[in-house]
Amino acid sequence: MEEKEQLEDIRAWWSQYGNYVLSGIVIGALSLFGWSYYKSTTANSEIAASVLYDELANHVAEGDLDDAERVAGVLSAEHGNSLYALQSKLALARLYMDNSRDKEAADALKVVVDSSQSAELSAVARVRLAKVLQYQEKYEEVLTLLDGEDSTGFTARYAEARGDALVALSRFDEAREAYLVALADNGQTLDATFLQLKLLDLPPAEPETLDSEDAGTVAPVAEAAEAGETEAEQSPDTDSGEEASADEQEETPAEGGE
């Protein structure tokens, strides 16, 4: 009797909740299939993008701009959200510069700078864009591009690029500060000797205006130096006076003898 009651309870529960259970099983199976399909599709897309990028790299190495642009266009159209599409912009920008097409190079690099897909690629593009703008003599744009930017591993490169732009603007004291920052933060990513040469090429630093506290410290030292100079100037006269007095003493006995 008890088994019969249990069976009746199970049938009643199933009639009430059975559809929900079946729906859950179906949804779970579909989700698992969908995730597997997504992973498979993503992997296939990454492989296809990688193949295209390798083809692009070969065209860049050969200096074949037309084919490089064609492949880069396919990458952007079919795999625009992949890192390979961003990397293709960097490679294409280099080829543009080799062909004196600096405007197209700047446009390609700006796409990578504005992208949020990869902070590292964005930082690399920012440094290269700064060099292109420097080449275009757009020095204020270089400063705007780098203003407030501090990406780990790129501080020295940013500082050097800022220094170069500031030199071109004849803001030598600020350029000196930028080069010193680059030297201090340089983790063997820049040529320290070359940076030192840039520093040596700068005009002498302008003397800084002393504040009241510094002036109070320096004034007594200056006064003491002036007093020392005065004594030094007077010492020959004193020696002359002593010599004259000695001459008079020598002449006195001579006069008495006469």
Foldseek 3Di string as FASTA:
>chain_A
DVVVVVVVVVVVVCVVCVVVVVVVVVVVVVVVVVVVVVVVVVVVLVVVLVVLLVVLVVCLVVLNLVVNVVSLVVCCVSPVPDVSNLVSLQSNLVSCVVVVNLVSSLVSLVVLLPDPNDPVSNLVSLLVNLVSCVVVVVLVVLCVSLPPDDDPPCQLSSLQSNLSSCVSVVVQVSSLVSLVSNLVPPPVPDDNVVSVVVNVPGDDDDDDDDDPVVCVVVVVVVVVVVVVVVCVVCVVVVVVVVVVVVVVVVCVVVVVVD
